[in-house]
Amino acid sequence: MPQFTARYPRSVIDSSEIERLEAKEIFSGTMVYNNPLEFMLLPTNISAEARAANPYYKVYPSTLVVRSYSFLGLDRIREYLNIVQYRTLERSNMFAVKVPFKFFHGSYFSAVLYN
């Protein structure tokens, strides 16, 4: 059976010295299928990976956000994540497929396709 994994990390960086907020979100996923058949002309496994990163920035708020004393400041996070005023810095996408072959004992060849 193939194995699938997915991730969605998001970070918010408060840079008060340069007066802007930065946010970055990354969508990524992988798939790995181990071939149960051992034959010289078939790959030992097939793996694929895809990733998309979207960083944004926002001009620092003109009014200060009131300091929060709750756990990790989670009650104030909505004020930071007001995406209406964010601007896109860049957008990057990546896709890769790998198919390794084993021809003889100790002899491997791996074909990789990147986009």
N, C-alpha and C. Protein backbone atom coordinates (compact mmCIF):
# COMPACT_ATOMS: atom_id res chain seq x y z
N MET A 1 0.84 -1.18 0.00
CA MET A 1 0.00 0.00 0.00
C MET A 1 0.88 1.25 0.00
N PRO A 2 0.49 2.26 -0.73
CA PRO A 2 1.26 3.50 -0.72
C PRO A 2 1.10 4.24 0.61
N GLN A 3 2.11 4.98 0.98
CA GLN A 3 2.08 5.79 2.20
C GLN A 3 1.99 7.26 1.80
N PHE A 4 1.08 7.99 2.43
CA PHE A 4 0.87 9.40 2.14
C PHE A 4 1.13 10.21 3.40
N THR A 5 1.75 11.36 3.25
CA THR A 5 1.90 12.31 4.35
C THR A 5 1.57 13.71 3.83
N ALA A 6 1.05 14.54 4.70
CA ALA A 6 0.72 15.92 4.36
C ALA A 6 1.10 16.81 5.53
N ARG A 7 1.52 18.05 5.21
CA ARG A 7 1.90 19.02 6.24
C ARG A 7 1.40 20.40 5.87
N TYR A 8 1.05 21.18 6.89
CA TYR A 8 0.69 22.58 6.69
C TYR A 8 1.23 23.41 7.86
N PRO A 9 2.49 23.82 7.81
CA PRO A 9 2.99 24.73 8.85
C PRO A 9 2.75 26.19 8.46
N ARG A 10 2.51 27.03 9.45
CA ARG A 10 2.34 28.46 9.22
C ARG A 10 3.07 29.20 10.33
N SER A 11 3.80 30.24 9.96
CA SER A 11 4.53 31.01 10.96
C SER A 11 4.23 32.50 10.78
N VAL A 12 4.23 33.22 11.88
CA VAL A 12 4.06 34.67 11.87
C VAL A 12 5.25 35.26 12.62
N ILE A 13 5.97 36.18 11.97
CA ILE A 13 7.16 36.79 12.55
C ILE A 13 6.87 38.27 12.76
N ASP A 14 7.00 38.72 13.99
CA ASP A 14 6.78 40.12 14.34
C ASP A 14 8.13 40.83 14.34
N SER A 15 8.38 41.66 13.31
CA SER A 15 9.65 42.37 13.18
C SER A 15 9.40 43.85 13.48
N SER A 16 9.36 44.21 14.74
CA SER A 16 9.02 45.59 15.11
C SER A 16 10.11 46.58 14.71
N GLU A 17 11.36 46.13 14.58
CA GLU A 17 12.43 47.05 14.20
C GLU A 17 12.31 47.52 12.75
N ILE A 18 11.82 46.67 11.86
CA ILE A 18 11.61 47.10 10.47
C ILE A 18 10.14 47.36 10.19
N GLU A 19 9.34 47.34 11.22
CA GLU A 19 7.92 47.70 11.19
C GLU A 19 7.12 46.94 10.15
N ARG A 20 7.20 45.62 10.21
CA ARG A 20 6.32 44.81 9.38
C ARG A 20 6.13 43.44 10.01
N LEU A 21 5.04 42.82 9.65
CA LEU A 21 4.74 41.45 10.07
C LEU A 21 4.93 40.55 8.86
N GLU A 22 5.53 39.39 9.07
CA GLU A 22 5.71 38.44 7.99
C GLU A 22 4.98 37.15 8.35
N ALA A 23 4.31 36.59 7.37
CA ALA A 23 3.63 35.31 7.55
C ALA A 23 4.06 34.39 6.42
N LYS A 24 4.23 33.12 6.73
CA LYS A 24 4.62 32.15 5.71
C LYS A 24 3.84 30.88 5.94
N GLU A 25 3.21 30.38 4.87
CA GLU A 25 2.50 29.12 4.95
C GLU A 25 3.06 28.18 3.89
N ILE A 26 3.18 26.91 4.26
CA ILE A 26 3.74 25.91 3.36
C ILE A 26 2.79 24.71 3.32
N PHE A 27 2.43 24.32 2.12
CA PHE A 27 1.64 23.11 1.90
C PHE A 27 2.59 22.08 1.30
N SER A 28 2.67 20.89 1.89
CA SER A 28 3.55 19.87 1.32
C SER A 28 2.94 18.48 1.51
N GLY A 29 3.31 17.59 0.62
CA GLY A 29 2.83 16.22 0.70
C GLY A 29 3.80 15.27 0.02
N THR A 30 3.82 14.04 0.50
CA THR A 30 4.68 13.03 -0.09
C THR A 30 3.89 11.73 -0.27
N MET A 31 4.34 10.93 -1.21
CA MET A 31 3.76 9.62 -1.47
C MET A 31 4.91 8.66 -1.73
N VAL A 32 4.90 7.50 -1.08
CA VAL A 32 5.92 6.47 -1.29
C VAL A 32 5.21 5.13 -1.49
N TYR A 33 5.58 4.45 -2.57
CA TYR A 33 5.05 3.12 -2.85
C TYR A 33 6.23 2.18 -3.02
N ASN A 34 6.35 1.20 -2.13
CA ASN A 34 7.40 0.19 -2.23
C ASN A 34 6.91 -0.96 -3.11
N ASN A 35 7.64 -1.22 -4.16
CA ASN A 35 7.27 -2.26 -5.11
C ASN A 35 7.52 -3.64 -4.48
N PRO A 36 6.49 -4.48 -4.36
CA PRO A 36 6.71 -5.80 -3.76
C PRO A 36 7.43 -6.79 -4.69
N LEU A 37 7.46 -6.50 -5.99
CA LEU A 37 8.12 -7.39 -6.95
C LEU A 37 9.58 -7.00 -7.13
N GLU A 38 10.45 -7.96 -7.09
CA GLU A 38 11.87 -7.71 -7.34
C GLU A 38 12.23 -8.21 -8.72
N PHE A 39 12.37 -7.27 -9.63
CA PHE A 39 12.75 -7.59 -11.00
C PHE A 39 13.67 -6.46 -11.48
N MET A 40 14.67 -6.81 -12.23
CA MET A 40 15.70 -5.87 -12.63
C MET A 40 15.14 -4.65 -13.39
N LEU A 41 14.07 -4.81 -14.16
CA LEU A 41 13.54 -3.72 -14.98
C LEU A 41 12.44 -2.91 -14.27
N LEU A 42 12.10 -3.29 -13.05
CA LEU A 42 11.09 -2.55 -12.28
C LEU A 42 11.76 -1.76 -11.17
N PRO A 43 11.27 -0.55 -10.88
CA PRO A 43 11.87 0.22 -9.78
C PRO A 43 11.59 -0.43 -8.43
N THR A 44 12.50 -0.23 -7.49
CA THR A 44 12.30 -0.79 -6.15
C THR A 44 11.20 -0.05 -5.40
N ASN A 45 11.06 1.24 -5.67
CA ASN A 45 9.95 2.01 -5.12
C ASN A 45 9.70 3.23 -5.99
N ILE A 46 8.59 3.87 -5.77
CA ILE A 46 8.25 5.11 -6.46
C ILE A 46 7.90 6.12 -5.38
N SER A 47 8.54 7.27 -5.41
CA SER A 47 8.21 8.30 -4.43
C SER A 47 7.98 9.63 -5.15
N ALA A 48 7.04 10.39 -4.63
CA ALA A 48 6.71 11.69 -5.19
C ALA A 48 6.57 12.69 -4.05
N GLU A 49 6.96 13.92 -4.32
CA GLU A 49 6.87 14.98 -3.33
C GLU A 49 6.41 16.27 -4.00
N ALA A 50 5.50 16.98 -3.35
CA ALA A 50 5.03 18.27 -3.86
C ALA A 50 5.07 19.26 -2.71
N ARG A 51 5.39 20.53 -3.06
CA ARG A 51 5.50 21.57 -2.03
C ARG A 51 5.15 22.92 -2.64
N ALA A 52 4.39 23.71 -1.90
CA ALA A 52 4.04 25.08 -2.31
C ALA A 52 4.23 25.99 -1.10
N ALA A 53 5.00 27.06 -1.28
CA ALA A 53 5.25 28.01 -0.19
C ALA A 53 4.72 29.38 -0.59
N ASN A 54 4.01 30.03 0.33
CA ASN A 54 3.44 31.36 0.10
C ASN A 54 3.79 32.28 1.26
N PRO A 55 4.83 33.11 1.11
CA PRO A 55 5.13 34.09 2.16
C PRO A 55 4.41 35.41 1.88
N TYR A 56 4.04 36.10 2.93
CA TYR A 56 3.36 37.39 2.83
C TYR A 56 4.01 38.36 3.81
N TYR A 57 3.79 39.64 3.61
CA TYR A 57 4.19 40.62 4.62
C TYR A 57 3.07 41.64 4.78
N LYS A 58 3.07 42.30 5.91
CA LYS A 58 2.05 43.30 6.22
C LYS A 58 2.74 44.46 6.92
N VAL A 59 2.37 45.66 6.57
CA VAL A 59 2.93 46.83 7.24
C VAL A 59 2.53 46.77 8.71
N TYR A 60 3.46 47.13 9.56
CA TYR A 60 3.24 47.03 11.01
C TYR A 60 2.01 47.85 11.40
N PRO A 61 1.16 47.33 12.29
CA PRO A 61 -0.06 48.06 12.66
C PRO A 61 0.26 49.42 13.28
N SER A 62 -0.56 50.42 12.93
CA SER A 62 -0.32 51.77 13.45
C SER A 62 -0.63 51.85 14.95
N THR A 63 -1.56 51.05 15.41
CA THR A 63 -1.84 50.99 16.85
C THR A 63 -1.22 49.73 17.41
N LEU A 64 -0.64 49.85 18.57
CA LEU A 64 0.01 48.70 19.19
C LEU A 64 -1.01 47.64 19.59
N VAL A 65 -0.63 46.41 19.41
CA VAL A 65 -1.46 45.30 19.86
C VAL A 65 -1.21 45.14 21.36
N VAL A 66 -2.28 45.10 22.11
CA VAL A 66 -2.16 45.02 23.57
C VAL A 66 -1.49 43.71 23.95
N ARG A 67 -0.56 43.79 24.88
CA ARG A 67 0.17 42.59 25.31
C ARG A 67 -0.78 41.59 25.94
N SER A 68 -0.57 40.34 25.62
CA SER A 68 -1.43 39.27 26.14
C SER A 68 -0.66 38.46 27.17
N TYR A 69 -1.34 38.09 28.23
CA TYR A 69 -0.73 37.26 29.26
C TYR A 69 -1.31 35.85 29.25
N SER A 70 -2.07 35.51 28.22
CA SER A 70 -2.61 34.16 28.13
C SER A 70 -1.55 33.22 27.57
N PHE A 71 -1.86 31.94 27.53
CA PHE A 71 -0.94 30.93 27.04
C PHE A 71 -0.57 31.19 25.59
N LEU A 72 0.70 31.49 25.32
CA LEU A 72 1.25 31.76 23.99
C LEU A 72 0.60 32.95 23.29
N GLY A 73 -0.17 33.74 23.99
CA GLY A 73 -0.82 34.90 23.38
C GLY A 73 -1.87 34.55 22.36
N LEU A 74 -2.50 33.41 22.53
CA LEU A 74 -3.45 32.93 21.51
C LEU A 74 -4.70 33.80 21.40
N ASP A 75 -5.03 34.56 22.43
CA ASP A 75 -6.22 35.41 22.33
C ASP A 75 -5.98 36.62 21.42
N ARG A 76 -4.73 36.98 21.14
CA ARG A 76 -4.42 38.14 20.28
C ARG A 76 -4.02 37.72 18.86
N ILE A 77 -3.98 36.46 18.56
CA ILE A 77 -3.46 36.00 17.26
C ILE A 77 -4.34 36.48 16.10
N ARG A 78 -5.62 36.67 16.30
CA ARG A 78 -6.49 37.12 15.21
C ARG A 78 -6.12 38.52 14.72
N GLU A 79 -5.62 39.35 15.61
CA GLU A 79 -5.20 40.69 15.19
C GLU A 79 -3.97 40.61 14.28
N TYR A 80 -3.09 39.65 14.51
CA TYR A 80 -1.92 39.47 13.65
C TYR A 80 -2.27 38.84 12.31
N LEU A 81 -3.27 37.98 12.29
CA LEU A 81 -3.59 37.23 11.07
C LEU A 81 -4.66 37.90 10.22
N ASN A 82 -4.81 39.19 10.31
CA ASN A 82 -5.75 39.92 9.46
C ASN A 82 -5.16 39.97 8.05
N ILE A 83 -5.51 39.00 7.23
CA ILE A 83 -4.86 38.80 5.93
C ILE A 83 -5.31 39.82 4.88
N VAL A 84 -6.31 40.63 5.17
CA VAL A 84 -6.82 41.58 4.19
C VAL A 84 -5.72 42.52 3.70
N GLN A 85 -4.81 42.93 4.56
CA GLN A 85 -3.78 43.89 4.18
C GLN A 85 -2.43 43.25 3.85
N TYR A 86 -2.37 41.96 3.72
CA TYR A 86 -1.10 41.30 3.41
C TYR A 86 -0.76 41.43 1.93
N ARG A 87 0.53 41.46 1.61
CA ARG A 87 1.00 41.51 0.23
C ARG A 87 1.89 40.30 -0.01
N THR A 88 1.82 39.74 -1.19
CA THR A 88 2.59 38.54 -1.50
C THR A 88 4.04 38.91 -1.82
N LEU A 89 4.98 38.21 -1.21
CA LEU A 89 6.40 38.39 -1.53
C LEU A 89 6.80 37.55 -2.72
N GLU A 90 6.52 36.29 -2.66
CA GLU A 90 6.87 35.35 -3.73
C GLU A 90 6.02 34.12 -3.58
N ARG A 91 6.04 33.29 -4.57
CA ARG A 91 5.32 32.02 -4.51
C ARG A 91 6.22 30.98 -5.16
N SER A 92 6.44 29.86 -4.46
CA SER A 92 7.29 28.83 -5.04
C SER A 92 6.59 27.47 -4.99
N ASN A 93 6.75 26.73 -6.05
CA ASN A 93 6.16 25.40 -6.17
C ASN A 93 7.25 24.41 -6.56
N MET A 94 7.15 23.18 -6.05
CA MET A 94 8.12 22.16 -6.36
C MET A 94 7.40 20.82 -6.47
N PHE A 95 7.83 20.03 -7.43
CA PHE A 95 7.29 18.68 -7.61
C PHE A 95 8.45 17.78 -8.01
N ALA A 96 8.55 16.60 -7.40
CA ALA A 96 9.64 15.67 -7.72
C ALA A 96 9.13 14.24 -7.69
N VAL A 97 9.64 13.42 -8.61
CA VAL A 97 9.34 11.99 -8.65
C VAL A 97 10.67 11.25 -8.70
N LYS A 98 10.81 10.23 -7.87
CA LYS A 98 12.05 9.44 -7.83
C LYS A 98 11.71 7.97 -8.04
N VAL A 99 12.47 7.32 -8.92
CA VAL A 99 12.28 5.89 -9.18
C VAL A 99 13.65 5.21 -9.20
N PRO A 100 14.07 4.59 -8.09
CA PRO A 100 15.36 3.89 -8.04
C PRO A 100 15.24 2.45 -8.56
N PHE A 101 16.27 2.02 -9.26
CA PHE A 101 16.34 0.65 -9.78
C PHE A 101 17.53 -0.06 -9.16
N LYS A 102 17.39 -1.36 -8.94
CA LYS A 102 18.50 -2.19 -8.45
C LYS A 102 18.75 -3.26 -9.51
N PHE A 103 19.86 -3.12 -10.23
CA PHE A 103 20.16 -4.04 -11.31
C PHE A 103 20.86 -5.31 -10.81
N PHE A 104 21.88 -5.13 -10.02
CA PHE A 104 22.63 -6.26 -9.48
C PHE A 104 22.89 -5.98 -8.01
N HIS A 105 23.37 -6.96 -7.30
CA HIS A 105 23.70 -6.76 -5.89
C HIS A 105 24.74 -5.64 -5.75
N GLY A 106 24.36 -4.54 -5.10
CA GLY A 106 25.26 -3.41 -4.91
C GLY A 106 25.27 -2.42 -6.06
N SER A 107 24.47 -2.63 -7.11
CA SER A 107 24.41 -1.72 -8.26
C SER A 107 23.03 -1.05 -8.31
N TYR A 108 23.00 0.28 -8.09
CA TYR A 108 21.74 1.02 -8.06
C TYR A 108 21.76 2.13 -9.09
N PHE A 109 20.60 2.47 -9.60
CA PHE A 109 20.41 3.61 -10.48
C PHE A 109 19.13 4.29 -10.07
N SER A 110 19.15 5.62 -9.95
CA SER A 110 17.96 6.34 -9.52
C SER A 110 17.66 7.45 -10.53
N ALA A 111 16.44 7.44 -11.08
CA ALA A 111 16.00 8.50 -11.99
C ALA A 111 15.14 9.47 -11.19
N VAL A 112 15.42 10.76 -11.36
CA VAL A 112 14.72 11.80 -10.61
C VAL A 112 14.20 12.85 -11.59
N LEU A 113 12.95 13.25 -11.42
CA LEU A 113 12.32 14.29 -12.23
C LEU A 113 11.92 15.42 -11.29
N TYR A 114 12.46 16.61 -11.51
CA TYR A 114 12.11 17.79 -10.72
C TYR A 114 11.40 18.80 -11.60
N ASN A 115 10.48 19.52 -11.00
CA ASN A 115 9.81 20.61 -11.70
C ASN A 115 9.83 21.82 -10.82
